[in-house]
Amino acid sequence: MIELHHLTKQYGDHLAVDRLDLSVPAGELFGFLGPNGAGKTTTIKMCTGLLSPTAGSAAIGGHDVIHEGTAARALIGYVPDTPDVYTKLTGREFVRFMADIYRVAPQQRDRRIEELLEMLDLKDAADDLVETYSHGMKQKTVLAGALVHDPKVLFLDEPTQGLDPRSARLVKDILRALCERGATVFMSTHVLEIAERICDRVGIIYAGRLVALGTIEELRHGADKTLEDIFLEVTGSGEVAELVRFLNDAEAA
């Protein structure tokens, strides 16, 4: 469903994303990992059409995001790392607004809104103004808006940021259920434990380049490693990994 070919983004002398090649099939929950400034958010914004690539291409469901933008975006749901919500709308009004943007039929729209509000524990506050919501509630409201048209591909940038443990677990369960229904989920996260637990495959980007790709087992190469170990090794943080191991050994002693 997601096909990236030599995807590149350059700002002046800074190469934010460097010739990224990646394919993510339908039904996969893909974790996109990397340190701050590695190119994760830039990649997601190019995939969703919010940024134009300097070179290369991104296609969603066979539709080029730039040249067939309308067709590609119709397949996409997007949840940014910072929830951008119209605060003078109620939660219900915001989700209805998103449904109308995607031209969801009115009967289907109303049913879908109620399902999502129930699923995301937003029903009791659905008719309150968004400006009264906590960060976590705003994040879940944006997720409801991204899901209201039943997208084939869902992009999420740090989806559990600011969520309490119960809400974070709820979001993880929803993402897993979406993939089981055949949707594709592309998720960036700093929480390696989440990626290790729920992702089918992970890709690690560092300085704009994809430096590791595969299932957790494939990336371990037969060794007894956590995703954190792998992440620190491939992002050039070997000295950090050694320090962590030293401190753990000292604590055990």
Protein backbone atom coordinates (compact mmCIF):
# COMPACT_ATOMS: atom_id res chain seq x y z
CA MET A 1 0.00 0.00 0.00
CA ILE A 2 2.93 2.35 0.67
CA GLU A 3 5.72 2.55 -1.90
CA LEU A 4 8.62 4.95 -1.45
CA HIS A 5 11.24 5.17 -4.19
CA HIS A 6 14.41 7.21 -3.69
CA LEU A 7 12.34 9.61 -1.56
CA THR A 8 14.50 12.64 -0.81
CA LYS A 9 14.04 15.95 0.98
CA GLN A 10 16.75 18.59 1.11
CA TYR A 11 16.68 21.97 2.87
CA GLY A 12 19.59 24.00 1.56
CA ASP A 13 22.70 22.03 2.49
CA HIS A 14 20.81 19.78 4.90
CA LEU A 15 19.69 16.40 3.56
CA ALA A 16 16.73 15.55 5.80
CA VAL A 17 15.73 12.34 3.98
CA ASP A 18 18.23 10.62 1.72
CA ARG A 19 16.95 8.38 -1.13
CA LEU A 20 14.57 6.36 1.02
CA ASP A 21 13.33 3.11 -0.56
CA LEU A 22 10.59 1.34 1.37
CA SER A 23 7.55 -0.85 0.74
CA VAL A 24 4.83 -1.48 3.34
CA PRO A 25 2.08 -3.95 2.36
CA ALA A 26 -1.59 -3.97 3.29
CA GLY A 27 -2.32 -5.28 6.76
CA GLU A 28 1.09 -4.45 8.23
CA LEU A 29 1.74 -2.41 11.36
CA PHE A 30 5.05 -0.74 10.55
CA GLY A 31 7.15 1.04 13.16
CA PHE A 32 9.33 3.91 11.95
CA LEU A 33 12.05 4.64 14.47
CA GLY A 34 14.93 7.08 14.77
CA PRO A 35 16.47 9.71 17.03
CA ASN A 36 15.28 13.32 17.00
CA GLY A 37 16.05 14.98 13.68
CA ALA A 38 16.55 11.68 11.85
CA GLY A 39 13.85 12.40 9.25
CA LYS A 40 10.79 10.56 10.61
CA THR A 41 8.31 13.44 10.56
CA THR A 42 9.65 14.75 7.25
CA THR A 43 9.09 11.32 5.69
CA ILE A 44 5.54 11.09 7.02
CA LYS A 45 4.72 14.59 5.75
CA MET A 46 5.96 13.65 2.28
CA CYS A 47 3.90 10.45 2.36
CA THR A 48 0.76 12.40 3.23
CA GLY A 49 1.33 15.18 0.69
CA LEU A 50 2.05 17.88 3.27
CA LEU A 51 5.58 18.27 1.90
CA SER A 52 6.80 17.88 -1.66
CA PRO A 53 9.91 15.73 -2.06
CA THR A 54 13.06 17.20 -3.53
CA ALA A 55 13.45 13.98 -5.53
CA GLY A 56 11.94 10.52 -5.68
CA SER A 57 8.32 9.55 -5.11
CA ALA A 58 5.76 8.31 -2.61
CA ALA A 59 2.71 6.30 -3.67
CA ILE A 60 -0.30 5.20 -1.64
CA GLY A 61 -2.39 2.38 -3.06
CA GLY A 62 -0.70 2.87 -6.42
CA HIS A 63 -1.44 6.62 -6.51
CA ASP A 64 1.46 9.07 -6.57
CA VAL A 65 1.00 11.46 -3.67
CA ILE A 66 2.03 14.51 -5.70
CA HIS A 67 0.65 13.76 -9.17
CA GLU A 68 -2.49 11.94 -8.00
CA GLY A 69 -2.87 13.73 -4.71
CA THR A 70 -6.66 13.62 -4.42
CA ALA A 71 -6.85 9.87 -5.01
CA ALA A 72 -3.92 9.19 -2.65
CA ARG A 73 -5.22 11.39 0.17
CA ALA A 74 -8.66 9.75 -0.01
CA LEU A 75 -6.98 6.56 1.23
CA ILE A 76 -5.05 8.23 4.05
CA GLY A 77 -5.71 9.05 7.69
CA TYR A 78 -3.09 11.16 9.48
CA VAL A 79 -2.44 11.84 13.16
CA PRO A 80 0.38 14.38 13.77
CA ASP A 81 2.55 14.44 16.87
CA THR A 82 0.83 17.63 18.05
CA PRO A 83 -2.99 17.41 17.95
CA ASP A 84 -4.24 20.22 15.70
CA VAL A 85 -7.92 20.63 16.56
CA TYR A 86 -10.30 23.54 16.11
CA THR A 87 -10.76 24.34 19.78
CA LYS A 88 -14.05 26.23 19.34
CA LEU A 89 -15.72 23.09 18.02
CA THR A 90 -17.01 20.30 20.19
CA GLY A 91 -15.38 16.90 19.81
CA ARG A 92 -18.41 15.62 17.90
CA GLU A 93 -18.40 18.65 15.59
CA PHE A 94 -14.72 18.18 14.81
CA VAL A 95 -15.15 14.53 13.85
CA ARG A 96 -18.21 15.44 11.74
CA PHE A 97 -16.16 18.18 10.06
CA MET A 98 -13.50 15.62 9.14
CA ALA A 99 -16.16 13.23 7.84
CA ASP A 100 -17.55 15.96 5.60
CA ILE A 101 -14.09 16.76 4.25
CA TYR A 102 -13.79 13.12 3.19
CA ARG A 103 -17.37 13.17 1.83
CA VAL A 104 -18.61 10.36 4.04
CA ALA A 105 -22.33 9.76 3.32
CA PRO A 106 -24.51 11.33 6.09
CA GLN A 107 -26.08 8.07 7.34
CA GLN A 108 -22.73 6.31 7.42
CA ARG A 109 -21.11 9.41 8.91
CA ASP A 110 -23.39 9.63 11.94
CA ARG A 111 -23.09 5.92 12.70
CA ARG A 112 -19.33 6.02 12.31
CA ILE A 113 -18.98 9.07 14.58
CA GLU A 114 -20.92 7.39 17.38
CA GLU A 115 -18.83 4.21 17.03
CA LEU A 116 -15.56 6.12 17.24
CA LEU A 117 -16.62 8.30 20.17
CA GLU A 118 -17.63 5.15 22.04
CA MET A 119 -14.48 3.26 21.07
CA LEU A 120 -12.15 6.07 22.15
CA ASP A 121 -13.93 6.86 25.43
CA LEU A 122 -14.94 10.31 24.22
CA LYS A 123 -18.71 9.98 24.30
CA ASP A 124 -19.26 11.68 27.67
CA ALA A 125 -17.28 14.76 26.54
CA ALA A 126 -18.32 14.68 22.89
CA ASP A 127 -20.46 17.82 23.16
CA ASP A 128 -17.92 19.84 25.16
CA LEU A 129 -15.65 22.34 23.43
CA VAL A 130 -12.28 20.90 22.47
CA GLU A 131 -10.58 23.79 24.29
CA THR A 132 -11.64 22.12 27.55
CA TYR A 133 -9.99 18.80 26.61
CA SER A 134 -6.74 17.46 28.01
CA HIS A 135 -3.85 16.77 25.61
CA GLY A 136 -4.74 13.09 25.59
CA MET A 137 -8.39 13.76 24.78
CA LYS A 138 -7.37 16.05 21.94
CA GLN A 139 -5.06 13.32 20.63
CA LYS A 140 -7.90 10.80 20.66
CA THR A 141 -10.23 13.30 18.97
CA VAL A 142 -7.74 13.76 16.15
CA LEU A 143 -7.49 9.96 15.86
CA ALA A 144 -11.28 9.74 15.60
CA GLY A 145 -11.19 12.33 12.81
CA ALA A 146 -8.47 10.37 11.01
CA LEU A 147 -10.47 7.15 11.20
CA VAL A 148 -13.94 8.47 10.37
CA HIS A 149 -13.65 7.70 6.63
CA ASP A 150 -12.22 4.21 7.28
CA PRO A 151 -8.82 4.88 5.65
CA LYS A 152 -6.80 2.15 3.97
CA VAL A 153 -3.56 3.66 5.29
CA LEU A 154 -3.08 5.37 8.63
CA PHE A 155 -0.01 7.51 9.38
CA LEU A 156 0.70 8.34 13.01
CA ASP A 157 3.51 10.50 14.37
CA GLU A 158 4.13 9.61 18.03
CA PRO A 159 0.52 8.46 18.61
CA THR A 160 0.87 7.63 22.32
CA GLN A 161 2.62 10.87 23.28
CA GLY A 162 0.80 12.50 26.18
CA LEU A 163 -1.61 9.62 26.69
CA ASP A 164 -2.22 7.98 30.05
CA PRO A 165 -1.47 4.23 30.21
CA ARG A 166 -5.12 3.22 29.70
CA SER A 167 -5.54 5.43 26.63
CA ALA A 168 -2.17 4.32 25.24
CA ARG A 169 -3.24 0.68 25.55
CA LEU A 170 -6.56 1.50 23.89
CA VAL A 171 -4.81 3.14 20.93
CA LYS A 172 -2.44 0.18 20.56
CA ASP A 173 -5.38 -2.23 20.52
CA ILE A 174 -7.17 -0.13 17.89
CA LEU A 175 -4.09 -0.03 15.65
CA ARG A 176 -3.69 -3.79 15.88
CA ALA A 177 -7.38 -4.30 15.07
CA LEU A 178 -7.10 -2.03 12.02
CA CYS A 179 -4.27 -4.12 10.61
CA GLU A 180 -6.22 -7.32 11.22
CA ARG A 181 -8.98 -5.82 9.03
CA GLY A 182 -6.45 -5.21 6.25
CA ALA A 183 -5.50 -1.57 6.81
CA THR A 184 -1.87 -0.44 6.80
CA VAL A 185 -0.51 1.46 9.81
CA PHE A 186 2.71 3.48 9.55
CA MET A 187 3.72 4.70 12.99
CA SER A 188 6.69 6.68 14.21
CA THR A 189 7.49 6.40 17.90
CA HIS A 190 10.24 7.03 20.44
CA VAL A 191 8.83 4.35 22.70
CA LEU A 192 10.82 1.31 21.61
CA GLU A 193 8.89 -1.00 23.91
CA ILE A 194 5.67 -0.22 22.02
CA ALA A 195 7.31 -0.89 18.67
CA GLU A 196 8.78 -4.14 19.92
CA ARG A 197 5.43 -5.36 21.23
CA ILE A 198 3.00 -4.47 18.45
CA CYS A 199 4.84 -3.84 15.16
CA ASP A 200 5.13 -6.49 12.46
CA ARG A 201 8.29 -4.84 11.12
CA VAL A 202 10.35 -1.83 12.02
CA GLY A 203 12.56 0.50 10.04
CA ILE A 204 15.22 2.63 11.71
CA ILE A 205 16.21 5.91 10.09
CA TYR A 206 19.37 7.78 11.03
CA ALA A 207 20.63 11.03 9.49
CA GLY A 208 18.00 10.68 6.77
CA ARG A 209 18.96 7.16 5.73
CA LEU A 210 17.27 3.84 6.42
CA VAL A 211 19.89 1.89 8.38
CA ALA A 212 17.85 -1.15 9.48
CA LEU A 213 14.67 -2.86 8.27
CA GLY A 214 12.94 -6.09 9.23
CA THR A 215 11.10 -7.95 11.96
CA ILE A 216 12.57 -7.85 15.45
CA GLU A 217 13.80 -11.42 15.02
CA GLU A 218 15.46 -10.57 11.71
CA LEU A 219 17.20 -7.55 13.24
CA ARG A 220 18.49 -9.60 16.16
CA HIS A 221 20.46 -11.86 13.76
CA GLY A 222 20.16 -14.72 16.22
CA ALA A 223 21.54 -12.75 19.15
CA ASP A 224 19.74 -12.09 22.42
CA LYS A 225 19.10 -8.39 21.87
CA THR A 226 16.29 -6.00 22.68
CA LEU A 227 15.08 -3.45 20.16
CA GLU A 228 16.83 -0.83 22.30
CA ASP A 229 20.15 -2.67 21.83
CA ILE A 230 19.60 -2.81 18.06
CA PHE A 231 18.55 0.83 17.89
CA LEU A 232 21.63 2.06 19.76
CA GLU A 233 23.95 -0.04 17.60
CA VAL A 234 22.62 1.02 14.20
CA THR A 235 22.30 4.70 15.07
CA GLY A 236 25.97 4.92 15.99
CA SER A 237 25.32 5.07 19.73
CA GLY A 238 27.52 2.13 20.60
CA GLU A 239 29.15 4.03 23.42
CA VAL A 240 25.73 4.63 24.95
CA ALA A 241 24.91 0.94 24.69
CA GLU A 242 28.21 0.09 26.40
CA LEU A 243 27.50 2.55 29.21
CA VAL A 244 24.01 1.11 29.74
CA ARG A 245 25.44 -2.42 29.87
CA PHE A 246 28.16 -1.31 32.31
CA LEU A 247 25.61 0.30 34.64
CA ASN A 248 23.32 -2.73 34.45
CA ASP A 249 26.23 -5.07 35.25
CA ALA A 250 27.29 -2.85 38.15
CA GLU A 251 23.75 -2.80 39.54
CA ALA A 252 23.50 -6.60 39.25
CA ALA A 253 26.81 -7.01 41.08
